[in-house]
Amino acid sequence: MSYELFISLRYLKAKRKQTFISLITFISIAGVAIGVTALIAVLAVMTGAQNDIRDKIVGANSHIVISAAGPMAPAEAGAARAAALAQEGVRSASPFVFTQAILTSEEKVAGVAIRGVDPADAAALADFGGFMSDGSLDKLDERYAKTGMEPDDLGDMVETRRAPIILGRELASLLRVDVGYPLRVVSPMGRMTPAGSAPITREYYVAGLFHAGMYEVDSTVALVSVTEAQALTNLGDRVTGVEVKVNDIYQAPAIAQAISLRLGPMFRARDWQSLNRNLFFALALEKTVIGLILILIIFVAAFNIVSTLIMVTLEKTRDIAILKSMGASRRSIMKIFFLEGFTIGAVGTALGVAGGVTLCELLKRYEFVKIPSDVYNLERLPVAMRWEDVALVCAAALVITVIAALYPAWSASRVDPAEALRYE
């Protein structure tokens, strides 16, 4: 151990008459530790929120959507599907229909977004199948199913047959229905009559419930088969577009660009990042701003380090003069006080990392913080600690504390031995 490090460590152990300086030293260490702990925990929560929302968006929606200026004819949809499947990294491609309609139960009415999917494409529905909380996606294969006996207009009991529909759990709660309950869908995309446009009304039964974890999806989305959605929208054999699932979601932008080049200007392929650009930009900006705000805590601790070292310098003026008289150079004196400040920062950073990692593990394991899902699209506080973020926080804390230690160390190295010992 060099004598500079030995002396700097001795200075950290205050004597009885230097209790105040010792207290300020501990406050400085605690300030750095609290700042680092808070920064690590908040960054982990923000990263977890980004990942959680990304997974839900990717699972409940398409990775890539291929669309045209209007509804796609069968030949166009077939060409788009073939172009997508020919691209490396594509897992599935299937036509879909999207429309808005009014859903009515015996007690409630709600506006919904209806997605017509191909129930035969298991790969396309694999992610969505994980959201099912009751019933099964396989029910969508049934064109019609017997749902019981109901009276007709004349009062006679007749057998009823309804098409299957799958609802989000929040939507089912809003309509006060469960699996097996009857529903009626009214689509404004009706057929033209001499008197004008007539809405299309079709009968359904609840074949299943899903829970995607995003309130906007769970409360507004309903699934039917493509053929049912085509009948609702009066599209005939046309579709809204082609949805594509890929193996690696981070390759979706490149794959979407390649599909667009393959299909030409008549089609447009958009990936999940561009479809949700505003949401992810807002999350990234929020994470950055909160991180910068919390760094201010470390800056406050840095000012404590400055004040601590300045007071130590004033207290140790005679010691500095004696060391210089014994041959210590200005560089050595500066090194002593710099190492003292660096030690305070390093110890505080180490304690902060330990506290931050521990707090993240507790939040992840016990999930004792609950948040309203209808506001934040999250049911619990997500935590995803990345070691890159931890390393960045450590580096930032050490840099700030190093900068804080420079001026007091330089000031100590400027002490004149003759002036300091004149009245001793």
Protein backbone atom coordinates (compact mmCIF):
# COMPACT_ATOMS: atom_id res chain seq x y z
CA MET A 1 0.00 0.00 0.00
CA SER A 2 1.37 3.42 -0.95
CA TYR A 3 1.74 5.95 1.85
CA GLU A 4 -0.73 8.27 0.09
CA LEU A 5 -3.48 5.63 0.28
CA PHE A 6 -2.52 4.77 3.87
CA ILE A 7 -2.80 8.40 4.97
CA SER A 8 -6.07 8.97 3.08
CA LEU A 9 -7.64 5.97 4.82
CA ARG A 10 -6.39 7.18 8.20
CA TYR A 11 -8.01 10.56 7.56
CA LEU A 12 -11.36 8.82 7.01
CA LYS A 13 -11.17 7.51 10.60
CA ALA A 14 -11.88 10.72 12.48
CA LYS A 15 -10.58 11.35 15.97
CA ARG A 16 -12.89 12.26 18.85
CA LYS A 17 -12.56 15.98 18.24
CA GLN A 18 -13.39 15.50 14.53
CA THR A 19 -16.79 13.85 15.06
CA PHE A 20 -18.57 16.44 12.92
CA ILE A 21 -16.29 15.77 9.95
CA SER A 22 -16.86 12.04 10.40
CA LEU A 23 -20.63 12.60 10.41
CA ILE A 24 -20.43 14.60 7.17
CA THR A 25 -18.34 11.77 5.66
CA PHE A 26 -21.03 9.21 6.50
CA ILE A 27 -23.71 11.53 5.12
CA SER A 28 -21.74 11.82 1.88
CA ILE A 29 -21.43 8.03 1.60
CA ALA A 30 -25.15 7.61 2.37
CA GLY A 31 -26.05 10.25 -0.22
CA VAL A 32 -24.13 8.45 -2.97
CA ALA A 33 -25.58 5.09 -1.88
CA ILE A 34 -29.17 6.34 -1.87
CA GLY A 35 -28.74 8.00 -5.27
CA VAL A 36 -27.27 4.86 -6.84
CA THR A 37 -29.94 2.62 -5.26
CA ALA A 38 -32.78 4.83 -6.49
CA LEU A 39 -31.31 5.12 -9.97
CA ILE A 40 -30.79 1.37 -10.37
CA ALA A 41 -34.28 0.55 -9.09
CA VAL A 42 -36.05 3.14 -11.24
CA LEU A 43 -34.15 2.17 -14.40
CA ALA A 44 -34.99 -1.49 -13.73
CA VAL A 45 -38.68 -0.66 -13.33
CA MET A 46 -38.74 1.49 -16.48
CA THR A 47 -36.96 -1.24 -18.46
CA GLY A 48 -39.40 -3.82 -17.09
CA ALA A 49 -42.35 -1.64 -18.12
CA GLN A 50 -40.97 -1.29 -21.65
CA ASN A 51 -40.40 -5.04 -21.95
CA ASP A 52 -43.80 -5.91 -20.48
CA ILE A 53 -45.72 -3.56 -22.76
CA ARG A 54 -43.65 -4.70 -25.75
CA ASP A 55 -44.41 -8.37 -25.07
CA LYS A 56 -48.12 -7.68 -24.71
CA ILE A 57 -48.25 -5.58 -27.87
CA VAL A 58 -46.29 -8.15 -29.85
CA GLY A 59 -48.36 -11.03 -28.49
CA ALA A 60 -51.76 -9.45 -29.07
CA ASN A 61 -50.95 -7.88 -32.44
CA SER A 62 -49.13 -8.71 -35.63
CA HIS A 63 -45.38 -8.34 -35.92
CA ILE A 64 -45.83 -6.99 -39.45
CA VAL A 65 -49.00 -5.79 -41.20
CA ILE A 66 -49.18 -5.81 -45.00
CA SER A 67 -51.88 -3.54 -46.38
CA ALA A 68 -52.95 -1.89 -49.62
CA ALA A 69 -54.88 1.27 -50.50
CA GLY A 70 -58.15 -0.62 -49.93
CA PRO A 71 -59.41 -4.11 -49.21
CA MET A 72 -57.30 -6.85 -50.80
CA ALA A 73 -58.76 -9.17 -53.40
CA PRO A 74 -57.91 -12.89 -53.01
CA ALA A 75 -55.15 -12.66 -55.63
CA GLU A 76 -53.56 -9.67 -53.91
CA ALA A 77 -53.78 -11.28 -50.47
CA GLY A 78 -52.28 -14.47 -51.89
CA ALA A 79 -49.39 -12.56 -53.45
CA ALA A 80 -48.70 -10.68 -50.22
CA ARG A 81 -48.80 -13.90 -48.20
CA ALA A 82 -46.46 -15.66 -50.62
CA ALA A 83 -44.01 -12.75 -50.55
CA ALA A 84 -43.99 -12.79 -46.75
CA LEU A 85 -43.50 -16.56 -46.48
CA ALA A 86 -40.65 -16.39 -48.99
CA GLN A 87 -38.75 -14.05 -46.66
CA GLU A 88 -36.29 -15.66 -44.27
CA GLY A 89 -37.28 -15.37 -40.60
CA VAL A 90 -41.06 -15.32 -41.20
CA ARG A 91 -43.00 -17.81 -39.06
CA SER A 92 -46.50 -17.35 -40.50
CA ALA A 93 -48.59 -15.11 -42.73
CA SER A 94 -52.36 -15.12 -42.85
CA PRO A 95 -55.12 -12.80 -44.08
CA PHE A 96 -57.17 -10.84 -41.55
CA VAL A 97 -60.16 -8.54 -41.44
CA PHE A 98 -60.48 -5.60 -39.11
CA THR A 99 -63.68 -3.68 -38.48
CA GLN A 100 -65.55 -1.80 -35.78
CA ALA A 101 -68.99 -2.79 -34.63
CA ILE A 102 -71.53 -2.56 -31.81
CA LEU A 103 -71.78 -5.54 -29.50
CA THR A 104 -74.99 -6.02 -27.52
CA SER A 105 -75.82 -8.46 -24.74
CA GLU A 106 -79.07 -8.82 -22.83
CA GLU A 107 -77.99 -6.05 -20.44
CA LYS A 108 -75.27 -3.89 -22.00
CA VAL A 109 -74.00 -2.33 -25.25
CA ALA A 110 -70.36 -1.66 -26.18
CA GLY A 111 -68.38 -0.54 -29.18
CA VAL A 112 -65.71 -3.06 -30.16
CA ALA A 113 -62.90 -3.64 -32.61
CA ILE A 114 -63.48 -6.98 -34.31
CA ARG A 115 -60.53 -8.91 -35.71
CA GLY A 116 -61.23 -11.66 -38.19
CA VAL A 117 -58.44 -14.25 -37.96
CA ASP A 118 -57.73 -17.53 -39.69
CA PRO A 119 -58.33 -20.21 -37.03
CA ALA A 120 -56.53 -22.80 -39.19
CA ASP A 121 -53.21 -20.93 -38.91
CA ALA A 122 -51.97 -22.19 -35.54
CA ALA A 123 -48.62 -20.36 -35.84
CA ALA A 124 -50.35 -17.01 -36.29
CA LEU A 125 -52.46 -17.55 -33.18
CA ALA A 126 -49.78 -19.20 -31.03
CA ASP A 127 -48.96 -16.04 -29.07
CA PHE A 128 -52.61 -15.14 -28.62
CA GLY A 129 -53.38 -18.65 -27.39
CA GLY A 130 -51.27 -17.95 -24.33
CA PHE A 131 -53.69 -15.18 -23.34
CA MET A 132 -56.75 -17.47 -23.21
CA SER A 133 -58.23 -17.58 -19.71
CA ASP A 134 -61.36 -19.55 -20.56
CA GLY A 135 -62.53 -21.47 -23.59
CA SER A 136 -60.35 -22.15 -26.61
CA LEU A 137 -59.32 -20.57 -29.90
CA ASP A 138 -60.21 -23.87 -31.57
CA LYS A 139 -63.87 -22.92 -31.21
CA LEU A 140 -63.40 -20.37 -34.00
CA ASP A 141 -63.19 -23.34 -36.40
CA GLU A 142 -66.88 -23.97 -35.83
CA ARG A 143 -68.86 -22.05 -38.43
CA TYR A 144 -72.04 -22.32 -36.37
CA ALA A 145 -72.88 -24.11 -33.14
CA LYS A 146 -76.11 -25.08 -31.48
CA THR A 147 -76.59 -22.83 -28.47
CA GLY A 148 -79.99 -23.96 -27.17
CA MET A 149 -83.67 -23.32 -27.71
CA GLU A 150 -85.18 -19.86 -28.00
CA PRO A 151 -88.70 -18.63 -28.85
CA ASP A 152 -89.19 -17.20 -32.33
CA ASP A 153 -91.45 -14.30 -33.30
CA LEU A 154 -94.51 -16.54 -32.99
CA GLY A 155 -93.50 -17.84 -29.59
CA ASP A 156 -92.52 -21.29 -30.80
CA MET A 157 -89.35 -22.81 -29.38
CA VAL A 158 -86.78 -23.34 -32.11
CA GLU A 159 -83.20 -24.50 -32.18
CA THR A 160 -80.73 -21.59 -32.25
CA ARG A 161 -77.39 -21.62 -34.02
CA ARG A 162 -74.85 -18.89 -33.50
CA ALA A 163 -71.30 -18.23 -34.68
CA PRO A 164 -68.47 -18.28 -32.11
CA ILE A 165 -66.85 -15.08 -30.86
CA ILE A 166 -64.00 -14.64 -28.35
CA LEU A 167 -63.93 -11.59 -26.09
CA GLY A 168 -61.43 -9.86 -23.89
CA ARG A 169 -62.07 -10.48 -20.19
CA GLU A 170 -62.70 -6.79 -19.45
CA LEU A 171 -65.12 -6.55 -22.37
CA ALA A 172 -67.00 -9.60 -21.15
CA SER A 173 -67.22 -8.04 -17.68
CA LEU A 174 -68.53 -4.81 -19.18
CA LEU A 175 -71.22 -6.71 -21.12
CA ARG A 176 -71.90 -8.98 -18.12
CA VAL A 177 -71.48 -12.17 -20.13
CA ASP A 178 -69.47 -15.36 -19.79
CA VAL A 179 -68.62 -18.38 -21.95
CA GLY A 180 -71.76 -19.67 -23.66
CA TYR A 181 -73.73 -16.42 -23.42
CA PRO A 182 -75.49 -15.10 -26.56
CA LEU A 183 -74.46 -11.83 -28.20
CA ARG A 184 -75.53 -9.75 -31.15
CA VAL A 185 -73.16 -7.79 -33.36
CA VAL A 186 -74.35 -4.82 -35.39
CA SER A 187 -71.95 -3.65 -38.11
CA PRO A 188 -72.36 -0.21 -39.70
CA MET A 189 -70.60 -1.53 -42.82
CA GLY A 190 -73.93 -2.73 -44.19
CA ARG A 191 -75.26 -3.48 -47.65
CA MET A 192 -76.81 -0.85 -49.84
CA THR A 193 -80.58 -0.83 -50.27
CA PRO A 194 -82.91 1.55 -52.17
CA ALA A 195 -83.57 3.29 -48.87
CA GLY A 196 -79.85 3.64 -48.10
CA SER A 197 -77.26 1.64 -46.23
CA ALA A 198 -78.67 -1.01 -43.90
CA PRO A 199 -76.55 -2.24 -41.00
CA ILE A 200 -75.68 -5.93 -40.79
CA THR A 201 -76.76 -7.83 -37.67
CA ARG A 202 -75.46 -11.28 -36.78
CA GLU A 203 -75.92 -13.60 -33.82
CA TYR A 204 -72.96 -15.01 -31.83
CA TYR A 205 -72.18 -16.89 -28.65
CA VAL A 206 -69.16 -16.36 -26.39
CA ALA A 207 -66.77 -19.22 -27.17
CA GLY A 208 -63.88 -18.04 -24.99
CA LEU A 209 -62.28 -15.24 -23.00
CA PHE A 210 -58.72 -13.93 -23.21
CA HIS A 211 -56.63 -11.74 -20.96
CA ALA A 212 -53.78 -9.95 -22.76
CA GLY A 213 -52.88 -7.78 -19.77
CA MET A 214 -53.47 -4.52 -21.67
CA TYR A 215 -56.72 -2.85 -20.68
CA GLU A 216 -57.22 -1.30 -24.12
CA VAL A 217 -57.04 -4.74 -25.74
CA ASP A 218 -59.00 -6.63 -23.09
CA SER A 219 -61.82 -4.08 -23.08
CA THR A 220 -62.25 -3.39 -26.81
CA VAL A 221 -61.16 -6.39 -28.91
CA ALA A 222 -63.22 -9.38 -30.05
CA LEU A 223 -62.08 -12.26 -32.28
CA VAL A 224 -64.09 -14.04 -34.97
CA SER A 225 -63.12 -16.12 -37.98
CA VAL A 226 -62.19 -14.41 -41.24
CA THR A 227 -65.35 -15.60 -42.96
CA GLU A 228 -67.53 -14.18 -40.20
CA ALA A 229 -65.71 -10.85 -40.32
CA GLN A 230 -66.13 -10.74 -44.10
CA ALA A 231 -69.86 -11.31 -43.69
CA LEU A 232 -70.03 -8.54 -41.09
CA THR A 233 -68.26 -6.02 -43.29
CA ASN A 234 -69.86 -7.08 -46.57
CA LEU A 235 -66.39 -7.59 -48.06
CA GLY A 236 -67.23 -10.78 -49.91
CA ASP A 237 -63.98 -12.69 -50.34
CA ARG A 238 -61.73 -9.66 -49.78
CA VAL A 239 -59.66 -9.00 -46.65
CA THR A 240 -58.22 -5.97 -44.86
CA GLY A 241 -54.62 -7.16 -45.11
CA VAL A 242 -52.11 -9.87 -44.22
CA GLU A 243 -50.63 -10.23 -40.74
CA VAL A 244 -47.13 -11.65 -40.41
CA LYS A 245 -45.40 -13.29 -37.43
CA VAL A 246 -41.60 -13.48 -37.36
CA ASN A 247 -39.17 -15.57 -35.32
CA ASP A 248 -37.17 -12.60 -34.01
CA ILE A 249 -39.26 -9.51 -33.29
CA TYR A 250 -36.18 -7.26 -33.46
CA GLN A 251 -35.68 -8.31 -37.08
CA ALA A 252 -39.23 -7.21 -37.95
CA PRO A 253 -38.21 -3.76 -39.35
CA ALA A 254 -35.68 -5.31 -41.76
CA ILE A 255 -38.10 -8.06 -42.79
CA ALA A 256 -40.89 -5.51 -43.35
CA GLN A 257 -38.61 -3.45 -45.57
CA ALA A 258 -37.63 -6.53 -47.57
CA ILE A 259 -41.28 -7.50 -48.03
CA SER A 260 -42.14 -3.98 -49.22
CA LEU A 261 -39.35 -4.11 -51.81
CA ARG A 262 -40.53 -7.53 -52.95
CA LEU A 263 -44.19 -6.47 -53.33
CA GLY A 264 -43.68 -3.01 -54.84
CA PRO A 265 -45.33 0.37 -54.22
CA MET A 266 -48.91 -0.95 -54.32
CA PHE A 267 -48.44 -2.55 -50.91
CA ARG A 268 -47.18 -1.31 -47.57
CA ALA A 269 -45.55 -3.42 -44.87
CA ARG A 270 -45.28 -1.90 -41.39
CA ASP A 271 -43.61 -3.51 -38.39
CA TRP A 272 -44.76 -3.41 -34.75
CA GLN A 273 -42.22 -0.72 -33.83
CA SER A 274 -43.47 1.75 -36.43
CA LEU A 275 -47.10 0.96 -35.58
CA ASN A 276 -46.44 1.82 -31.92
CA ARG A 277 -43.66 4.37 -32.40
CA ASN A 278 -45.22 7.10 -30.24
CA LEU A 279 -45.75 4.77 -27.27
CA PHE A 280 -42.20 3.41 -27.23
CA PHE A 281 -40.71 6.87 -27.84
CA ALA A 282 -42.66 8.20 -24.85
CA LEU A 283 -41.45 5.33 -22.64
CA ALA A 284 -37.82 5.82 -23.71
CA LEU A 285 -38.04 9.59 -23.15
CA GLU A 286 -39.63 9.09 -19.73
CA LYS A 287 -36.87 6.66 -18.73
CA THR A 288 -34.17 9.12 -19.82
CA VAL A 289 -35.72 12.12 -18.08
CA ILE A 290 -36.31 10.24 -14.81
CA GLY A 291 -32.73 8.95 -14.91
CA LEU A 292 -31.36 12.47 -15.36
CA ILE A 293 -33.50 13.77 -12.49
CA LEU A 294 -32.31 11.03 -10.15
CA ILE A 295 -28.67 11.72 -11.02
CA LEU A 296 -29.21 15.02 -9.21
CA ILE A 297 -29.28 13.02 -5.97
CA ILE A 298 -25.72 11.91 -6.71
CA PHE A 299 -24.77 15.52 -7.46
CA VAL A 300 -26.09 16.53 -4.03
CA ALA A 301 -23.93 13.82 -2.48
CA ALA A 302 -20.99 15.11 -4.53
CA PHE A 303 -21.37 18.54 -2.94
CA ASN A 304 -21.25 16.82 0.44
CA ILE A 305 -17.97 15.20 -0.61
CA VAL A 306 -16.60 18.61 -1.60
CA SER A 307 -17.55 20.13 1.74
CA THR A 308 -16.14 17.14 3.63
CA LEU A 309 -12.79 17.32 1.87
CA ILE A 310 -12.56 21.09 2.30
CA MET A 311 -13.16 20.76 6.04
CA VAL A 312 -10.61 17.95 6.24
CA THR A 313 -8.13 20.12 4.37
CA LEU A 314 -8.63 22.97 6.85
CA GLU A 315 -8.33 20.54 9.75
CA LYS A 316 -5.20 18.89 8.36
CA THR A 317 -3.32 22.04 7.31
CA ARG A 318 -0.56 21.41 9.85
CA ASP A 319 -0.28 17.75 8.74
CA ILE A 320 0.02 18.84 5.13
CA ALA A 321 2.78 21.29 6.03
CA ILE A 322 4.71 18.60 7.95
CA LEU A 323 4.36 16.14 5.05
CA LYS A 324 5.68 18.75 2.62
CA SER A 325 8.55 19.54 4.98
CA MET A 326 9.42 15.84 4.99
CA GLY A 327 9.62 15.83 1.20
CA ALA A 328 6.08 15.05 0.04
CA SER A 329 5.36 16.63 -3.33
CA ARG A 330 2.27 18.57 -4.32
CA ARG A 331 1.24 15.60 -6.44
CA SER A 332 1.40 13.29 -3.40
CA ILE A 333 -0.66 15.68 -1.26
CA MET A 334 -3.21 15.99 -4.04
CA LYS A 335 -3.28 12.22 -4.37
CA ILE A 336 -3.97 11.77 -0.63
CA PHE A 337 -7.07 13.93 -0.66
CA PHE A 338 -8.18 12.72 -4.07
CA LEU A 339 -8.04 9.12 -2.83
CA GLU A 340 -10.03 10.11 0.22
CA GLY A 341 -12.81 11.57 -1.94
CA PHE A 342 -12.64 8.63 -4.35
CA THR A 343 -12.94 6.19 -1.45
CA ILE A 344 -16.08 7.95 -0.22
CA GLY A 345 -17.57 7.74 -3.72
CA ALA A 346 -16.51 4.11 -4.26
CA VAL A 347 -17.89 2.93 -0.91
CA GLY A 348 -21.16 4.81 -1.50
CA THR A 349 -21.43 3.39 -5.02
CA ALA A 350 -20.77 -0.17 -3.80
CA LEU A 351 -23.41 0.17 -1.08
CA GLY A 352 -25.81 1.69 -3.59
CA VAL A 353 -25.32 -1.18 -6.04
CA ALA A 354 -25.92 -3.72 -3.28
CA GLY A 355 -29.04 -1.84 -2.17
CA GLY A 356 -30.34 -1.40 -5.72
CA VAL A 357 -29.86 -5.05 -6.67
CA THR A 358 -31.46 -6.19 -3.42
CA LEU A 359 -34.44 -3.88 -3.88
CA CYS A 360 -34.94 -5.07 -7.47
CA GLU A 361 -34.86 -8.70 -6.39
CA LEU A 362 -37.40 -8.03 -3.63
CA LEU A 363 -39.73 -6.21 -6.03
CA LYS A 364 -39.42 -9.01 -8.57
CA ARG A 365 -39.92 -11.87 -6.11
CA TYR A 366 -42.69 -10.60 -3.85
CA GLU A 367 -44.53 -8.18 -6.20
CA PHE A 368 -45.80 -6.16 -3.23
CA VAL A 369 -46.43 -3.05 -5.36
CA LYS A 370 -49.74 -3.23 -7.23
CA ILE A 371 -50.82 -0.70 -9.83
CA PRO A 372 -54.17 -0.16 -11.63
CA SER A 373 -54.10 -2.01 -14.97
CA ASP A 374 -56.74 0.25 -16.55
CA VAL A 375 -54.39 3.24 -16.17
CA TYR A 376 -50.91 1.83 -16.80
CA ASN A 377 -51.66 -1.35 -18.83
CA LEU A 378 -49.74 -3.21 -16.12
CA GLU A 379 -51.05 -5.30 -13.24
CA ARG A 380 -47.85 -5.29 -11.18
CA LEU A 381 -44.64 -3.33 -10.98
CA PRO A 382 -42.38 -4.97 -13.59
CA VAL A 383 -38.66 -5.21 -12.85
CA ALA A 384 -36.01 -6.03 -15.45
CA MET A 385 -32.56 -5.17 -14.17
CA ARG A 386 -29.90 -4.95 -16.88
CA TRP A 387 -26.27 -5.12 -15.88
CA GLU A 388 -25.47 -2.58 -18.59
CA ASP A 389 -27.64 -0.07 -16.70
CA VAL A 390 -25.97 -0.98 -13.40
CA ALA A 391 -22.52 -0.46 -14.94
CA LEU A 392 -23.63 2.87 -16.42
CA VAL A 393 -24.94 4.06 -13.05
CA CYS A 394 -21.69 3.01 -11.33
CA ALA A 395 -19.61 4.81 -13.92
CA ALA A 396 -21.73 7.98 -13.64
CA ALA A 397 -21.51 7.96 -9.82
CA LEU A 398 -17.74 7.43 -9.81
CA VAL A 399 -17.15 10.13 -12.43
CA ILE A 400 -19.24 12.64 -10.46
CA THR A 401 -17.45 11.85 -7.19
CA VAL A 402 -14.04 11.99 -8.87
CA ILE A 403 -14.82 15.42 -10.27
CA ALA A 404 -16.06 16.50 -6.84
CA ALA A 405 -12.77 15.42 -5.23
CA LEU A 406 -10.51 17.28 -7.67
CA TYR A 407 -10.83 20.85 -6.35
CA PRO A 408 -10.37 20.08 -2.62
CA ALA A 409 -7.37 17.87 -3.48
CA TRP A 410 -5.85 20.62 -5.63
CA SER A 411 -6.52 23.16 -2.86
CA ALA A 412 -4.73 20.94 -0.31
CA SER A 413 -1.71 20.61 -2.59
CA ARG A 414 -1.39 24.44 -2.67
CA VAL A 415 -0.86 24.77 1.12
CA ASP A 416 2.36 26.69 1.92
CA PRO A 417 4.31 24.82 4.69
CA ALA A 418 5.96 27.98 6.05
CA GLU A 419 2.66 29.82 6.31
CA ALA A 420 0.92 26.83 7.90
CA LEU A 421 3.63 26.28 10.56
CA ARG A 422 4.33 29.94 11.34
CA TYR A 423 2.19 30.05 14.48
CA GLU A 424 2.63 26.42 15.57
